[in-house]
Amino acid sequence: MRATRLLSVLLLLQAHGRLTATQLAERLDVSPRTIYRDVEALHAAGIPLYGEAGHDGGYRLVDGWRTRLTGLTAEEADRLFLAGLPGPATELGYGEVVAALGRKLHAALPPPLADRAAGIRQRFLLDAPNWYSDGDASAHLPAVADAVWRQRRIRVRYRGWSGEGDRTLAPYGLVLKGGRWYVVAARAGRDSPATYRVNQILTLTELDEGFDRPAGFDLMAYWQAHVAGFRARLHRDDATIRLSHRGRDRLREIASDVVVAAAERTAGPPDDAGWVTAVVPIESLTHAHGDLLRLGADVEVLAPTRLRALLAATAAELAALYAAPAGTGG
């Protein structure tokens, strides 16, 4: 562990030129006192490292000196695909490994390319979770990732749509979609794999039993087919609606791409008030009721009549609530 940290000190100084003990300690999650001891050890090993006092002081390497100790460990090579995703890497339990990998890759670059890489990091950031969530990492996510990697069966207590139940799973792969983690796994007694949301795993036990992945199983191909099937199942009916100009703009902000595309494809010419009539797919009356309420008075449902009645009833309840003095409604 200390040898890895000493190498990290060298790589950080090589990449940044000059860093204080406090800055090094923050990056390596240790105390400044530990950094002082590490610097002494590097001096004793003959590394041309020196400190400068004062406001702009800190530690630096002698100009022109570069370490070539940038070889990747097997674990770092395994996690190479996560190099651009520090947040998900941390959720999986690989945060420090990926951080060390980044330092080594940066140190291995010649100065011009290292400068370009640093510039890109300051200009582009991938923030996977959506606006209204920080993701849904589970305490069991690292264990699931480990089971995926080592091909070990797991016994889980899972909370699904139909309730809680125990399942024995052979996890084939993990997918991060919109800030949410899913495990693609084959359930004991069933031929085809299924998709499970990781944060719905209530308990997990790794079994002392391995499994063989099916020959030719392609995680990306499976996931693409799963998403296509999900979207097809999601929209089971249609609704005919009228939208104001503002409603069309709001629909683009809150609705799925499928709904927006359908509205734009089926919209007729604006009427005298500037409203358009369109046909959009809906999953169910309940979901459509909640989604269309977000558009307020900028949408009118023409069909189906049951959906129109639901929205009319809600509008009447809201009108009665706000007609009464504050705090007396309901």
C-alpha atoms as a PDB file:
ATOM      1  CA  MET A   1       0.000   0.000   0.000  1.00  0.00           C
ATOM      2  CA  ARG A   2       2.777   2.471   0.880  1.00  0.00           C
ATOM      3  CA  ALA A   3       4.696   1.657  -2.308  1.00  0.00           C
ATOM      4  CA  THR A   4       1.580   2.518  -4.338  1.00  0.00           C
ATOM      5  CA  ARG A   5       1.220   5.797  -2.452  1.00  0.00           C
ATOM      6  CA  LEU A   6       4.886   6.723  -2.991  1.00  0.00           C
ATOM      7  CA  LEU A   7       4.441   6.157  -6.707  1.00  0.00           C
ATOM      8  CA  SER A   8       1.280   8.268  -6.606  1.00  0.00           C
ATOM      9  CA  VAL A   9       3.230  11.125  -4.982  1.00  0.00           C
ATOM     10  CA  LEU A  10       5.756  10.987  -7.809  1.00  0.00           C
ATOM     11  CA  LEU A  11       3.102  10.872 -10.507  1.00  0.00           C
ATOM     12  CA  LEU A  12       1.168  13.772  -8.987  1.00  0.00           C
ATOM     13  CA  LEU A  13       4.289  15.927  -8.793  1.00  0.00           C
ATOM     14  CA  GLN A  14       5.272  14.914 -12.302  1.00  0.00           C
ATOM     15  CA  ALA A  15       1.837  15.928 -13.585  1.00  0.00           C
ATOM     16  CA  HIS A  16       1.371  19.163 -11.623  1.00  0.00           C
ATOM     17  CA  GLY A  17       4.933  20.437 -11.200  1.00  0.00           C
ATOM     18  CA  ARG A  18       4.562  21.688  -7.609  1.00  0.00           C
ATOM     19  CA  LEU A  19       2.186  20.642  -4.821  1.00  0.00           C
ATOM     20  CA  THR A  20       2.142  21.326  -1.089  1.00  0.00           C
ATOM     21  CA  ALA A  21       2.002  18.586   1.517  1.00  0.00           C
ATOM     22  CA  THR A  22      -1.610  19.557   2.212  1.00  0.00           C
ATOM     23  CA  GLN A  23      -2.559  19.281  -1.460  1.00  0.00           C
ATOM     24  CA  LEU A  24      -0.888  15.890  -1.765  1.00  0.00           C
ATOM     25  CA  ALA A  25      -2.580  14.711   1.420  1.00  0.00           C
ATOM     26  CA  GLU A  26      -5.999  15.728   0.126  1.00  0.00           C
ATOM     27  CA  ARG A  27      -5.502  13.936  -3.181  1.00  0.00           C
ATOM     28  CA  LEU A  28      -4.275  10.734  -1.536  1.00  0.00           C
ATOM     29  CA  ASP A  29      -6.654  10.853   1.454  1.00  0.00           C
ATOM     30  CA  VAL A  30      -3.904  10.770   4.077  1.00  0.00           C
ATOM     31  CA  SER A  31      -2.551  13.256   6.617  1.00  0.00           C
ATOM     32  CA  PRO A  32       0.166  15.847   5.835  1.00  0.00           C
ATOM     33  CA  ARG A  33       2.367  14.066   8.402  1.00  0.00           C
ATOM     34  CA  THR A  34       2.156  10.922   6.247  1.00  0.00           C
ATOM     35  CA  ILE A  35       3.234  12.962   3.214  1.00  0.00           C
ATOM     36  CA  TYR A  36       6.251  14.294   5.147  1.00  0.00           C
ATOM     37  CA  ARG A  37       7.317  10.709   5.887  1.00  0.00           C
ATOM     38  CA  ASP A  38       6.762   9.704   2.257  1.00  0.00           C
ATOM     39  CA  VAL A  39       8.920  12.592   1.037  1.00  0.00           C
ATOM     40  CA  GLU A  40      11.711  11.501   3.396  1.00  0.00           C
ATOM     41  CA  ALA A  41      11.442   7.952   2.034  1.00  0.00           C
ATOM     42  CA  LEU A  42      11.677   9.226  -1.542  1.00  0.00           C
ATOM     43  CA  HIS A  43      14.722  11.312  -0.643  1.00  0.00           C
ATOM     44  CA  ALA A  44      16.344   8.225   0.899  1.00  0.00           C
ATOM     45  CA  ALA A  45      15.641   6.320  -2.325  1.00  0.00           C
ATOM     46  CA  GLY A  46      17.566   8.927  -4.334  1.00  0.00           C
ATOM     47  CA  ILE A  47      14.581  10.629  -5.982  1.00  0.00           C
ATOM     48  CA  PRO A  48      15.530  14.254  -6.898  1.00  0.00           C
ATOM     49  CA  LEU A  49      12.698  15.828  -4.934  1.00  0.00           C
ATOM     50  CA  TYR A  50      12.970  19.074  -3.017  1.00  0.00           C
ATOM     51  CA  GLY A  51      10.765  21.452  -1.066  1.00  0.00           C
ATOM     52  CA  GLU A  52      10.357  25.196  -1.337  1.00  0.00           C
ATOM     53  CA  ALA A  53       9.173  27.404   1.531  1.00  0.00           C
ATOM     54  CA  GLY A  54       6.931  30.438   1.308  1.00  0.00           C
ATOM     55  CA  HIS A  55       3.506  31.281  -0.044  1.00  0.00           C
ATOM     56  CA  ASP A  56       4.195  29.659  -3.432  1.00  0.00           C
ATOM     57  CA  GLY A  57       6.196  26.809  -1.954  1.00  0.00           C
ATOM     58  CA  GLY A  58       5.675  23.099  -2.036  1.00  0.00           C
ATOM     59  CA  TYR A  59       7.374  19.960  -3.267  1.00  0.00           C
ATOM     60  CA  ARG A  60       8.629  19.486  -6.802  1.00  0.00           C
ATOM     61  CA  LEU A  61      10.911  17.251  -8.833  1.00  0.00           C
ATOM     62  CA  VAL A  62      14.148  18.474 -10.350  1.00  0.00           C
ATOM     63  CA  ASP A  63      13.423  19.892 -13.792  1.00  0.00           C
ATOM     64  CA  GLY A  64      13.648  17.264 -16.507  1.00  0.00           C
ATOM     65  CA  TRP A  65      13.367  14.263 -14.181  1.00  0.00           C
ATOM     66  CA  ARG A  66      10.527  11.861 -14.966  1.00  0.00           C
ATOM     67  CA  THR A  67       9.699   8.493 -13.512  1.00  0.00           C
ATOM     68  CA  ARG A  68       9.036   5.594 -15.852  1.00  0.00           C
ATOM     69  CA  LEU A  69       7.275   3.603 -13.160  1.00  0.00           C
ATOM     70  CA  THR A  70       3.943   3.979 -14.930  1.00  0.00           C
ATOM     71  CA  GLY A  71       3.101   0.335 -15.637  1.00  0.00           C
ATOM     72  CA  LEU A  72      -0.496  -0.641 -14.951  1.00  0.00           C
ATOM     73  CA  THR A  73      -1.401  -3.297 -12.425  1.00  0.00           C
ATOM     74  CA  ALA A  74      -3.750  -6.063 -13.531  1.00  0.00           C
ATOM     75  CA  GLU A  75      -6.597  -4.501 -11.528  1.00  0.00           C
ATOM     76  CA  GLU A  76      -5.986  -1.077 -13.071  1.00  0.00           C
ATOM     77  CA  ALA A  77      -5.985  -2.567 -16.558  1.00  0.00           C
ATOM     78  CA  ASP A  78      -9.265  -4.341 -15.756  1.00  0.00           C
ATOM     79  CA  ARG A  79     -10.869  -1.016 -14.786  1.00  0.00           C
ATOM     80  CA  LEU A  80      -9.545   0.946 -17.756  1.00  0.00           C
ATOM     81  CA  PHE A  81     -13.040   1.298 -19.260  1.00  0.00           C
ATOM     82  CA  LEU A  82     -14.105   3.282 -16.163  1.00  0.00           C
ATOM     83  CA  ALA A  83     -11.349   5.894 -16.499  1.00  0.00           C
ATOM     84  CA  GLY A  84     -13.787   8.563 -17.689  1.00  0.00           C
ATOM     85  CA  LEU A  85     -16.493   7.724 -15.116  1.00  0.00           C
ATOM     86  CA  PRO A  86     -15.111   8.531 -11.651  1.00  0.00           C
ATOM     87  CA  GLY A  87     -18.568   8.698 -10.048  1.00  0.00           C
ATOM     88  CA  PRO A  88     -19.782   5.262 -11.186  1.00  0.00           C
ATOM     89  CA  ALA A  89     -16.306   3.829 -10.488  1.00  0.00           C
ATOM     90  CA  THR A  90     -16.580   4.967  -6.874  1.00  0.00           C
ATOM     91  CA  GLU A  91     -20.074   3.458  -6.568  1.00  0.00           C
ATOM     92  CA  LEU A  92     -18.671   0.146  -7.789  1.00  0.00           C
ATOM     93  CA  GLY A  93     -15.882   0.313  -5.206  1.00  0.00           C
ATOM     94  CA  TYR A  94     -13.135   1.028  -7.747  1.00  0.00           C
ATOM     95  CA  GLY A  95     -12.637   4.733  -7.043  1.00  0.00           C
ATOM     96  CA  GLU A  96      -9.038   4.614  -5.815  1.00  0.00           C
ATOM     97  CA  VAL A  97      -8.015   2.127  -8.507  1.00  0.00           C
ATOM     98  CA  VAL A  98      -9.394   4.381 -11.250  1.00  0.00           C
ATOM     99  CA  ALA A  99      -7.784   7.464  -9.660  1.00  0.00           C
ATOM    100  CA  ALA A 100      -4.399   5.713  -9.659  1.00  0.00           C
ATOM    101  CA  LEU A 101      -4.996   4.628 -13.247  1.00  0.00           C
ATOM    102  CA  GLY A 102      -5.672   8.216 -14.273  1.00  0.00           C
ATOM    103  CA  ARG A 103      -2.457   9.408 -12.656  1.00  0.00           C
ATOM    104  CA  LYS A 104      -0.426   6.742 -14.443  1.00  0.00           C
ATOM    105  CA  LEU A 105      -1.986   7.421 -17.817  1.00  0.00           C
ATOM    106  CA  HIS A 106      -1.399  11.151 -17.414  1.00  0.00           C
ATOM    107  CA  ALA A 107       2.217  10.635 -16.337  1.00  0.00           C
ATOM    108  CA  ALA A 108       2.880   8.368 -19.308  1.00  0.00           C
ATOM    109  CA  LEU A 109       1.932  11.086 -21.791  1.00  0.00           C
ATOM    110  CA  PRO A 110       4.556  13.436 -23.236  1.00  0.00           C
ATOM    111  CA  PRO A 111       4.091  17.054 -22.035  1.00  0.00           C
ATOM    112  CA  PRO A 112       2.151  18.370 -25.081  1.00  0.00           C
ATOM    113  CA  LEU A 113      -0.381  15.527 -24.927  1.00  0.00           C
ATOM    114  CA  ALA A 114      -0.582  15.742 -21.143  1.00  0.00           C
ATOM    115  CA  ASP A 115      -1.501  19.423 -21.473  1.00  0.00           C
ATOM    116  CA  ARG A 116      -4.214  18.571 -24.012  1.00  0.00           C
ATOM    117  CA  ALA A 117      -5.615  15.854 -21.731  1.00  0.00           C
ATOM    118  CA  ALA A 118      -5.706  18.281 -18.813  1.00  0.00           C
ATOM    119  CA  GLY A 119      -7.502  20.816 -20.990  1.00  0.00           C
ATOM    120  CA  ILE A 120     -10.125  18.274 -22.015  1.00  0.00           C
ATOM    121  CA  ARG A 121     -10.806  17.376 -18.365  1.00  0.00           C
ATOM    122  CA  GLN A 122     -11.477  21.045 -17.679  1.00  0.00           C
ATOM    123  CA  ARG A 123     -13.886  21.346 -20.612  1.00  0.00           C
ATOM    124  CA  PHE A 124     -15.895  18.109 -20.702  1.00  0.00           C
ATOM    125  CA  LEU A 125     -17.644  16.315 -17.847  1.00  0.00           C
ATOM    126  CA  LEU A 126     -19.968  13.318 -17.948  1.00  0.00           C
ATOM    127  CA  ASP A 127     -22.509  13.513 -15.101  1.00  0.00           C
ATOM    128  CA  ALA A 128     -24.522  10.300 -15.446  1.00  0.00           C
ATOM    129  CA  PRO A 129     -27.448  10.791 -12.991  1.00  0.00           C
ATOM    130  CA  ASN A 130     -30.428  12.883 -14.037  1.00  0.00           C
ATOM    131  CA  TRP A 131     -31.302  16.286 -12.549  1.00  0.00           C
ATOM    132  CA  TYR A 132     -33.658  14.980  -9.929  1.00  0.00           C
ATOM    133  CA  SER A 133     -31.495  12.226  -8.492  1.00  0.00           C
ATOM    134  CA  ASP A 134     -27.922  11.578  -7.409  1.00  0.00           C
ATOM    135  CA  GLY A 135     -28.270   8.000  -8.615  1.00  0.00           C
ATOM    136  CA  ASP A 136     -29.413   4.988  -6.674  1.00  0.00           C
ATOM    137  CA  ALA A 137     -26.236   3.202  -5.702  1.00  0.00           C
ATOM    138  CA  SER A 138     -26.921   0.317  -3.354  1.00  0.00           C
ATOM    139  CA  ALA A 139     -24.801  -0.979  -0.518  1.00  0.00           C
ATOM    140  CA  HIS A 140     -24.808  -4.257  -2.467  1.00  0.00           C
ATOM    141  CA  LEU A 141     -23.494  -2.761  -5.724  1.00  0.00           C
ATOM    142  CA  PRO A 142     -19.788  -3.611  -5.096  1.00  0.00           C
ATOM    143  CA  ALA A 143     -20.744  -7.189  -4.184  1.00  0.00           C
ATOM    144  CA  VAL A 144     -22.814  -7.526  -7.369  1.00  0.00           C
ATOM    145  CA  ALA A 145     -19.906  -6.143  -9.415  1.00  0.00           C
ATOM    146  CA  ASP A 146     -17.539  -8.622  -7.790  1.00  0.00           C
ATOM    147  CA  ALA A 147     -19.905 -11.515  -8.520  1.00  0.00           C
ATOM    148  CA  VAL A 148     -20.223 -10.380 -12.146  1.00  0.00           C
ATOM    149  CA  TRP A 149     -16.461 -10.235 -12.539  1.00  0.00           C
ATOM    150  CA  ARG A 150     -15.708 -13.551 -10.814  1.00  0.00           C
ATOM    151  CA  GLN A 151     -18.785 -15.322 -12.233  1.00  0.00           C
ATOM    152  CA  ARG A 152     -20.197 -16.332  -8.859  1.00  0.00           C
ATOM    153  CA  ARG A 153     -23.853 -17.020  -8.186  1.00  0.00           C
ATOM    154  CA  ILE A 154     -25.620 -14.830  -5.634  1.00  0.00           C
ATOM    155  CA  ARG A 155     -28.653 -15.350  -3.424  1.00  0.00           C
ATOM    156  CA  VAL A 156     -30.716 -12.175  -3.071  1.00  0.00           C
ATOM    157  CA  ARG A 157     -33.871 -10.925  -1.444  1.00  0.00           C
ATOM    158  CA  TYR A 158     -35.409  -8.798  -4.183  1.00  0.00           C
ATOM    159  CA  ARG A 159     -38.277  -6.301  -4.124  1.00  0.00           C
ATOM    160  CA  GLY A 160     -40.051  -6.442  -7.470  1.00  0.00           C
ATOM    161  CA  TRP A 161     -43.379  -5.202  -8.819  1.00  0.00           C
ATOM    162  CA  SER A 162     -45.178  -8.235  -7.403  1.00  0.00           C
ATOM    163  CA  GLY A 163     -43.568  -8.005  -3.957  1.00  0.00           C
ATOM    164  CA  GLU A 164     -40.505  -9.380  -2.219  1.00  0.00           C
ATOM    165  CA  GLY A 165     -38.986 -12.771  -2.887  1.00  0.00           C
ATOM    166  CA  ASP A 166     -35.778 -14.797  -2.804  1.00  0.00           C
ATOM    167  CA  ARG A 167     -33.882 -15.447  -6.007  1.00  0.00           C
ATOM    168  CA  THR A 168     -30.689 -17.240  -6.957  1.00  0.00           C
ATOM    169  CA  LEU A 169     -29.016 -15.349  -9.786  1.00  0.00           C
ATOM    170  CA  ALA A 170     -26.113 -15.845 -12.162  1.00  0.00           C
ATOM    171  CA  PRO A 171     -25.104 -12.230 -12.868  1.00  0.00           C
ATOM    172  CA  TYR A 172     -23.900 -11.706 -16.441  1.00  0.00           C
ATOM    173  CA  GLY A 173     -23.307  -7.951 -16.401  1.00  0.00           C
ATOM    174  CA  LEU A 174     -24.014  -4.508 -14.924  1.00  0.00           C
ATOM    175  CA  VAL A 175     -25.560  -1.576 -16.804  1.00  0.00           C
ATOM    176  CA  LEU A 176     -25.724   2.076 -15.731  1.00  0.00           C
ATOM    177  CA  LYS A 177     -28.776   3.756 -17.278  1.00  0.00           C
ATOM    178  CA  GLY A 178     -29.801   7.299 -16.369  1.00  0.00           C
ATOM    179  CA  GLY A 179     -27.983   7.135 -13.035  1.00  0.00           C
ATOM    180  CA  ARG A 180     -29.560   3.790 -12.135  1.00  0.00           C
ATOM    181  CA  TRP A 181     -27.722   0.476 -11.908  1.00  0.00           C
ATOM    182  CA  TYR A 182     -29.196  -2.713 -13.352  1.00  0.00           C
ATOM    183  CA  VAL A 183     -27.835  -6.249 -13.232  1.00  0.00           C
ATOM    184  CA  VAL A 184     -28.567  -8.604 -16.110  1.00  0.00           C
ATOM    185  CA  ALA A 185     -28.799 -12.069 -14.619  1.00  0.00           C
ATOM    186  CA  ALA A 186     -30.177 -15.548 -15.206  1.00  0.00           C
ATOM    187  CA  ARG A 187     -32.513 -16.747 -12.470  1.00  0.00           C
ATOM    188  CA  ALA A 188     -32.244 -20.337 -11.334  1.00  0.00           C
ATOM    189  CA  GLY A 189     -34.770 -22.498 -13.127  1.00  0.00           C
ATOM    190  CA  ARG A 190     -35.257 -20.093 -16.036  1.00  0.00           C
ATOM    191  CA  ASP A 191     -33.569 -20.162 -19.426  1.00  0.00           C
ATOM    192  CA  SER A 192     -33.496 -16.485 -20.387  1.00  0.00           C
ATOM    193  CA  PRO A 193     -31.754 -13.691 -18.449  1.00  0.00           C
ATOM    194  CA  ALA A 194     -33.742 -10.820 -16.977  1.00  0.00           C
ATOM    195  CA  THR A 195     -32.993  -7.316 -15.743  1.00  0.00           C
ATOM    196  CA  TYR A 196     -32.985  -6.416 -12.044  1.00  0.00           C
ATOM    197  CA  ARG A 197     -32.555  -2.986 -10.474  1.00  0.00           C
ATOM    198  CA  VAL A 198     -29.638  -3.181  -8.040  1.00  0.00           C
ATOM    199  CA  ASN A 199     -31.054  -0.863  -5.397  1.00  0.00           C
ATOM    200  CA  GLN A 200     -34.058  -3.176  -5.060  1.00  0.00           C
ATOM    201  CA  ILE A 201     -31.786  -5.925  -3.729  1.00  0.00           C
ATOM    202  CA  LEU A 202     -32.515  -6.020   0.001  1.00  0.00           C
ATOM    203  CA  THR A 203     -30.036  -8.692   1.060  1.00  0.00           C
ATOM    204  CA  LEU A 204     -27.259 -10.492  -0.803  1.00  0.00           C
ATOM    205  CA  THR A 205     -25.188 -13.591  -0.158  1.00  0.00           C
ATOM    206  CA  GLU A 206     -22.457 -14.711  -2.527  1.00  0.00           C
ATOM    207  CA  LEU A 207     -22.627 -18.464  -3.039  1.00  0.00           C
ATOM    208  CA  ASP A 208     -19.641 -20.756  -3.335  1.00  0.00           C
ATOM    209  CA  GLU A 209     -20.773 -21.723  -6.804  1.00  0.00           C
ATOM    210  CA  GLY A 210     -19.585 -20.480 -10.160  1.00  0.00           C
ATOM    211  CA  PHE A 211     -21.415 -20.378 -13.469  1.00  0.00           C
ATOM    212  CA  ASP A 212     -20.567 -20.282 -17.162  1.00  0.00           C
ATOM    213  CA  ARG A 213     -21.745 -17.361 -19.268  1.00  0.00           C
ATOM    214  CA  PRO A 214     -23.701 -18.533 -22.322  1.00  0.00           C
ATOM    215  CA  ALA A 215     -21.537 -18.736 -25.419  1.00  0.00           C
ATOM    216  CA  GLY A 216     -22.094 -15.693 -27.563  1.00  0.00           C
ATOM    217  CA  PHE A 217     -23.920 -13.655 -24.909  1.00  0.00           C
ATOM    218  CA  ASP A 218     -23.472  -9.964 -25.788  1.00  0.00           C
ATOM    219  CA  LEU A 219     -24.346  -7.542 -23.003  1.00  0.00           C
ATOM    220  CA  MET A 220     -24.756  -4.547 -25.330  1.00  0.00           C
ATOM    221  CA  ALA A 221     -26.993  -6.452 -27.749  1.00  0.00           C
ATOM    222  CA  TYR A 222     -29.106  -7.771 -24.865  1.00  0.00           C
ATOM    223  CA  TRP A 223     -29.520  -4.300 -23.391  1.00  0.00           C
ATOM    224  CA  GLN A 224     -30.479  -2.715 -26.715  1.00  0.00           C
ATOM    225  CA  ALA A 225     -33.147  -5.379 -27.206  1.00  0.00           C
ATOM    226  CA  HIS A 226     -34.332  -4.914 -23.620  1.00  0.00           C
ATOM    227  CA  VAL A 227     -34.704  -1.145 -24.067  1.00  0.00           C
ATOM    228  CA  ALA A 228     -36.556  -1.584 -27.360  1.00  0.00           C
ATOM    229  CA  GLY A 229     -38.925  -4.093 -25.752  1.00  0.00           C
ATOM    230  CA  PHE A 230     -39.453  -1.859 -22.741  1.00  0.00           C
ATOM    231  CA  ARG A 231     -40.429   1.078 -24.938  1.00  0.00           C
ATOM    232  CA  ALA A 232     -42.814  -1.105 -26.939  1.00  0.00           C
ATOM    233  CA  ARG A 233     -44.494  -2.346 -23.740  1.00  0.00           C
ATOM    234  CA  LEU A 234     -44.545   1.125 -22.242  1.00  0.00           C
ATOM    235  CA  HIS A 235     -47.041   2.619 -24.713  1.00  0.00           C
ATOM    236  CA  ARG A 236     -50.222   0.562 -24.777  1.00  0.00           C
ATOM    237  CA  ASP A 237     -52.761   3.135 -25.912  1.00  0.00           C
ATOM    238  CA  ASP A 238     -53.132   6.565 -27.535  1.00  0.00           C
ATOM    239  CA  ALA A 239     -54.523   9.866 -26.343  1.00  0.00           C
ATOM    240  CA  THR A 240     -55.777  12.726 -28.514  1.00  0.00           C
ATOM    241  CA  ILE A 241     -54.798  16.058 -27.011  1.00  0.00           C
ATOM    242  CA  ARG A 242     -54.813  19.792 -27.766  1.00  0.00           C
ATOM    243  CA  LEU A 243     -51.704  21.773 -26.901  1.00  0.00           C
ATOM    244  CA  SER A 244     -51.081  25.483 -26.624  1.00  0.00           C
ATOM    245  CA  HIS A 245     -47.835  26.896 -27.979  1.00  0.00           C
ATOM    246  CA  ARG A 246     -46.434  26.932 -24.449  1.00  0.00           C
ATOM    247  CA  GLY A 247     -47.724  23.399 -23.910  1.00  0.00           C
ATOM    248  CA  ARG A 248     -45.772  22.154 -26.934  1.00  0.00           C
ATOM    249  CA  ASP A 249     -42.601  23.705 -25.533  1.00  0.00           C
ATOM    250  CA  ARG A 250     -43.213  22.184 -22.084  1.00  0.00           C
ATOM    251  CA  LEU A 251     -43.955  18.785 -23.624  1.00  0.00           C
ATOM    252  CA  ARG A 252     -40.473  18.767 -25.168  1.00  0.00           C
ATOM    253  CA  GLU A 253     -38.993  19.337 -21.708  1.00  0.00           C
ATOM    254  CA  ILE A 254     -40.906  16.749 -19.682  1.00  0.00           C
ATOM    255  CA  ALA A 255     -41.951  13.974 -22.078  1.00  0.00           C
ATOM    256  CA  SER A 256     -39.972  11.098 -23.568  1.00  0.00           C
ATOM    257  CA  ASP A 257     -38.518  11.329 -27.060  1.00  0.00           C
ATOM    258  CA  VAL A 258     -41.173   8.867 -28.281  1.00  0.00           C
ATOM    259  CA  VAL A 259     -44.045  11.050 -27.042  1.00  0.00           C
ATOM    260  CA  VAL A 260     -42.493  14.260 -28.377  1.00  0.00           C
ATOM    261  CA  ALA A 261     -41.876  12.683 -31.792  1.00  0.00           C
ATOM    262  CA  ALA A 262     -45.461  11.412 -31.973  1.00  0.00           C
ATOM    263  CA  ALA A 263     -46.878  14.815 -31.028  1.00  0.00           C
ATOM    264  CA  GLU A 264     -44.837  16.595 -33.670  1.00  0.00           C
ATOM    265  CA  ARG A 265     -45.589  13.977 -36.323  1.00  0.00           C
ATOM    266  CA  THR A 266     -49.372  14.008 -35.799  1.00  0.00           C
ATOM    267  CA  ALA A 267     -49.916  17.687 -34.953  1.00  0.00           C
ATOM    268  CA  GLY A 268     -52.317  19.467 -37.285  1.00  0.00           C
ATOM    269  CA  PRO A 269     -52.236  23.154 -38.164  1.00  0.00           C
ATOM    270  CA  PRO A 270     -52.798  25.613 -35.284  1.00  0.00           C
ATOM    271  CA  ASP A 271     -56.359  26.792 -34.735  1.00  0.00           C
ATOM    272  CA  ASP A 272     -57.394  30.425 -34.279  1.00  0.00           C
ATOM    273  CA  ALA A 273     -56.133  30.336 -30.664  1.00  0.00           C
ATOM    274  CA  GLY A 274     -52.791  28.851 -31.696  1.00  0.00           C
ATOM    275  CA  TRP A 275     -53.548  25.386 -30.302  1.00  0.00           C
ATOM    276  CA  VAL A 276     -52.744  22.156 -32.200  1.00  0.00           C
ATOM    277  CA  THR A 277     -54.342  18.723 -31.973  1.00  0.00           C
ATOM    278  CA  ALA A 278     -52.054  15.674 -31.803  1.00  0.00           C
ATOM    279  CA  VAL A 279     -52.094  11.970 -30.931  1.00  0.00           C
ATOM    280  CA  VAL A 280     -49.571  10.685 -28.385  1.00  0.00           C
ATOM    281  CA  PRO A 281     -48.893   7.204 -26.980  1.00  0.00           C
ATOM    282  CA  ILE A 282     -49.646   6.529 -23.300  1.00  0.00           C
ATOM    283  CA  GLU A 283     -48.680   3.731 -20.950  1.00  0.00           C
ATOM    284  CA  SER A 284     -51.856   3.733 -18.850  1.00  0.00           C
ATOM    285  CA  LEU A 285     -54.584   6.129 -17.725  1.00  0.00           C
ATOM    286  CA  THR A 286     -52.859   6.543 -14.356  1.00  0.00           C
ATOM    287  CA  HIS A 287     -49.484   7.443 -15.845  1.00  0.00           C
ATOM    288  CA  ALA A 288     -50.996   9.707 -18.496  1.00  0.00           C
ATOM    289  CA  HIS A 289     -53.068  11.493 -15.839  1.00  0.00           C
ATOM    290  CA  GLY A 290     -49.954  12.297 -13.810  1.00  0.00           C
ATOM    291  CA  ASP A 291     -47.863  13.287 -16.817  1.00  0.00           C
ATOM    292  CA  LEU A 292     -50.465  15.562 -18.415  1.00  0.00           C
ATOM    293  CA  LEU A 293     -51.220  17.310 -15.133  1.00  0.00           C
ATOM    294  CA  ARG A 294     -47.677  18.686 -15.336  1.00  0.00           C
ATOM    295  CA  LEU A 295     -48.785  20.713 -18.371  1.00  0.00           C
ATOM    296  CA  GLY A 296     -51.541  22.434 -16.396  1.00  0.00           C
ATOM    297  CA  ALA A 297     -53.951  24.485 -18.481  1.00  0.00           C
ATOM    298  CA  ASP A 298     -51.768  24.206 -21.590  1.00  0.00           C
ATOM    299  CA  VAL A 299     -53.225  20.815 -22.562  1.00  0.00           C
ATOM    300  CA  GLU A 300     -56.744  19.547 -23.161  1.00  0.00           C
ATOM    301  CA  VAL A 301     -57.472  15.818 -23.484  1.00  0.00           C
ATOM    302  CA  LEU A 302     -60.072  15.009 -26.138  1.00  0.00           C
ATOM    303  CA  ALA A 303     -59.857  11.208 -25.899  1.00  0.00           C
ATOM    304  CA  PRO A 304     -60.082   8.743 -24.321  1.00  0.00           C
ATOM    305  CA  THR A 305     -63.079  10.004 -22.366  1.00  0.00           C
ATOM    306  CA  ARG A 306     -61.985   8.246 -19.153  1.00  0.00           C
ATOM    307  CA  LEU A 307     -58.691  10.134 -19.166  1.00  0.00           C
ATOM    308  CA  ARG A 308     -60.518  13.405 -19.842  1.00  0.00           C
ATOM    309  CA  ALA A 309     -62.869  12.652 -16.930  1.00  0.00           C
ATOM    310  CA  LEU A 310     -59.957  11.931 -14.583  1.00  0.00           C
ATOM    311  CA  LEU A 311     -58.299  15.251 -15.406  1.00  0.00           C
ATOM    312  CA  ALA A 312     -61.603  17.110 -15.127  1.00  0.00           C
ATOM    313  CA  ALA A 313     -62.197  15.623 -11.668  1.00  0.00           C
ATOM    314  CA  THR A 314     -58.715  16.607 -10.530  1.00  0.00           C
ATOM    315  CA  ALA A 315     -59.187  20.127 -11.909  1.00  0.00           C
ATOM    316  CA  ALA A 316     -62.481  20.437 -10.013  1.00  0.00           C
ATOM    317  CA  GLU A 317     -60.845  19.297  -6.780  1.00  0.00           C
ATOM    318  CA  LEU A 318     -58.030  21.801  -7.246  1.00  0.00           C
ATOM    319  CA  ALA A 319     -60.504  24.603  -7.983  1.00  0.00           C
ATOM    320  CA  ALA A 320     -62.476  23.789  -4.823  1.00  0.00           C
ATOM    321  CA  LEU A 321     -59.301  23.593  -2.758  1.00  0.00           C
ATOM    322  CA  TYR A 322     -58.022  26.975  -3.866  1.00  0.00           C
ATOM    323  CA  ALA A 323     -61.455  28.652  -3.708  1.00  0.00           C
ATOM    324  CA  ALA A 324     -61.564  28.045   0.044  1.00  0.00           C
ATOM    325  CA  PRO A 325     -59.581  30.216   2.505  1.00  0.00           C
ATOM    326  CA  ALA A 326     -55.977  29.052   2.953  1.00  0.00           C
ATOM    327  CA  GLY A 327     -55.662  26.140   5.362  1.00  0.00           C
ATOM    328  CA  THR A 328     -59.374  25.204   5.324  1.00  0.00           C
ATOM    329  CA  GLY A 329     -59.612  23.174   2.124  1.00  0.00           C
ATOM    330  CA  GLY A 330     -59.835  19.388   1.901  1.00  0.00           C
END
